[in-house]
Amino acid sequence: MIRPEDIKSYIEGGLPCDYVQVEGDGHHFEAVIVSPEFRGKSMVQQHQLVYRALGDRMREEIHALSMKTFTPEQWRDK
């Protein structure tokens, strides 16, 4: 079974991040991701970057992932 720590590691390995937090029960996960790569991108584009970092794991290991994405500036001003 995949763990939240695994997903965190996958995201950090495929996307430059300032902060990543992942919680979940092995089937459903929630993530907060802060990355400078999100600057100037729509929310859909930001989520696509995360999906790209996760690769095939999204189809094979991770069944449900909801995420909140922020630029470093948005996170600082939150």
C-alpha atoms as a PDB file:
ATOM      1  CA  MET A   1       0.000   0.000   0.000  1.00  0.00           C
ATOM      2  CA  ILE A   2       1.267   3.450  -0.870  1.00  0.00           C
ATOM      3  CA  ARG A   3       1.910   5.837   2.003  1.00  0.00           C
ATOM      4  CA  PRO A   4       1.618   9.640   2.139  1.00  0.00           C
ATOM      5  CA  GLU A   5       5.418   9.808   2.592  1.00  0.00           C
ATOM      6  CA  ASP A   6       5.850   7.956  -0.710  1.00  0.00           C
ATOM      7  CA  ILE A   7       3.691  10.434  -2.602  1.00  0.00           C
ATOM      8  CA  LYS A   8       5.547  13.336  -0.979  1.00  0.00           C
ATOM      9  CA  SER A   9       8.833  11.838  -2.108  1.00  0.00           C
ATOM     10  CA  TYR A  10       7.579  11.272  -5.662  1.00  0.00           C
ATOM     11  CA  ILE A  11       6.381  14.874  -5.948  1.00  0.00           C
ATOM     12  CA  GLU A  12       9.615  16.295  -4.541  1.00  0.00           C
ATOM     13  CA  GLY A  13      11.637  14.075  -6.869  1.00  0.00           C
ATOM     14  CA  GLY A  14       9.867  15.321  -9.978  1.00  0.00           C
ATOM     15  CA  LEU A  15       9.117  18.957  -9.203  1.00  0.00           C
ATOM     16  CA  PRO A  16      11.127  21.678  -7.445  1.00  0.00           C
ATOM     17  CA  CYS A  17       9.131  22.383  -4.283  1.00  0.00           C
ATOM     18  CA  ASP A  18       9.450  24.730  -1.350  1.00  0.00           C
ATOM     19  CA  TYR A  19       6.918  22.757   0.696  1.00  0.00           C
ATOM     20  CA  VAL A  20       4.955  19.531   0.306  1.00  0.00           C
ATOM     21  CA  GLN A  21       2.510  18.015   2.784  1.00  0.00           C
ATOM     22  CA  VAL A  22       0.582  14.838   1.993  1.00  0.00           C
ATOM     23  CA  GLU A  23      -1.985  13.116   4.185  1.00  0.00           C
ATOM     24  CA  GLY A  24      -4.108  10.095   3.470  1.00  0.00           C
ATOM     25  CA  ASP A  25      -5.314   6.644   4.349  1.00  0.00           C
ATOM     26  CA  GLY A  26      -3.625   4.595   1.648  1.00  0.00           C
ATOM     27  CA  HIS A  27      -6.451   5.100  -0.853  1.00  0.00           C
ATOM     28  CA  HIS A  28      -7.434   8.767  -0.712  1.00  0.00           C
ATOM     29  CA  PHE A  29      -4.839  11.499  -0.338  1.00  0.00           C
ATOM     30  CA  GLU A  30      -4.739  15.264   0.114  1.00  0.00           C
ATOM     31  CA  ALA A  31      -1.684  17.321  -0.764  1.00  0.00           C
ATOM     32  CA  VAL A  32      -0.532  20.902  -0.303  1.00  0.00           C
ATOM     33  CA  ILE A  33       2.250  21.777  -2.720  1.00  0.00           C
ATOM     34  CA  VAL A  34       4.236  25.014  -2.944  1.00  0.00           C
ATOM     35  CA  SER A  35       6.472  25.389  -5.987  1.00  0.00           C
ATOM     36  CA  PRO A  36       8.054  28.256  -7.906  1.00  0.00           C
ATOM     37  CA  GLU A  37       7.191  26.262 -11.053  1.00  0.00           C
ATOM     38  CA  PHE A  38       3.533  27.243 -10.530  1.00  0.00           C
ATOM     39  CA  ARG A  39       4.187  30.929 -11.222  1.00  0.00           C
ATOM     40  CA  GLY A  40       2.178  32.211 -14.185  1.00  0.00           C
ATOM     41  CA  LYS A  41       0.292  28.939 -14.620  1.00  0.00           C
ATOM     42  CA  SER A  42      -3.408  28.215 -14.246  1.00  0.00           C
ATOM     43  CA  MET A  43      -4.579  25.802 -11.565  1.00  0.00           C
ATOM     44  CA  VAL A  44      -5.084  23.131 -14.245  1.00  0.00           C
ATOM     45  CA  GLN A  45      -1.510  23.627 -15.480  1.00  0.00           C
ATOM     46  CA  GLN A  46      -0.207  23.465 -11.905  1.00  0.00           C
ATOM     47  CA  HIS A  47      -2.030  20.188 -11.292  1.00  0.00           C
ATOM     48  CA  GLN A  48      -0.702  18.817 -14.584  1.00  0.00           C
ATOM     49  CA  LEU A  49       2.845  19.501 -13.344  1.00  0.00           C
ATOM     50  CA  VAL A  50       2.124  17.475 -10.215  1.00  0.00           C
ATOM     51  CA  TYR A  51       0.567  14.648 -12.247  1.00  0.00           C
ATOM     52  CA  ARG A  52       3.634  14.658 -14.487  1.00  0.00           C
ATOM     53  CA  ALA A  53       5.869  14.362 -11.406  1.00  0.00           C
ATOM     54  CA  LEU A  54       3.819  11.379 -10.234  1.00  0.00           C
ATOM     55  CA  GLY A  55       3.833   9.767 -13.676  1.00  0.00           C
ATOM     56  CA  ASP A  56       2.224   6.348 -14.055  1.00  0.00           C
ATOM     57  CA  ARG A  57       1.752   6.111 -10.306  1.00  0.00           C
ATOM     58  CA  MET A  58      -1.420   8.185 -10.709  1.00  0.00           C
ATOM     59  CA  ARG A  59      -2.994   5.371 -12.732  1.00  0.00           C
ATOM     60  CA  GLU A  60      -1.473   2.415 -10.942  1.00  0.00           C
ATOM     61  CA  GLU A  61      -0.893   3.197  -7.252  1.00  0.00           C
ATOM     62  CA  ILE A  62      -2.708   6.412  -6.354  1.00  0.00           C
ATOM     63  CA  HIS A  63      -6.478   6.141  -6.613  1.00  0.00           C
ATOM     64  CA  ALA A  64      -7.548   9.581  -5.423  1.00  0.00           C
ATOM     65  CA  LEU A  65      -5.485  12.715  -4.883  1.00  0.00           C
ATOM     66  CA  SER A  66      -6.909  16.131  -4.134  1.00  0.00           C
ATOM     67  CA  MET A  67      -4.414  18.940  -4.056  1.00  0.00           C
ATOM     68  CA  LYS A  68      -4.007  22.588  -3.274  1.00  0.00           C
ATOM     69  CA  THR A  69      -1.197  24.268  -5.174  1.00  0.00           C
ATOM     70  CA  PHE A  70       0.465  27.582  -4.365  1.00  0.00           C
ATOM     71  CA  THR A  71       3.321  29.704  -5.620  1.00  0.00           C
ATOM     72  CA  PRO A  72       5.780  30.689  -2.870  1.00  0.00           C
ATOM     73  CA  GLU A  73       4.247  34.177  -2.886  1.00  0.00           C
ATOM     74  CA  GLN A  74       0.696  32.877  -2.493  1.00  0.00           C
ATOM     75  CA  TRP A  75       1.813  30.586   0.326  1.00  0.00           C
ATOM     76  CA  ARG A  76       3.634  33.432   2.112  1.00  0.00           C
ATOM     77  CA  ASP A  77       0.571  35.721   1.853  1.00  0.00           C
ATOM     78  CA  LYS A  78      -1.869  32.994   2.949  1.00  0.00           C
END
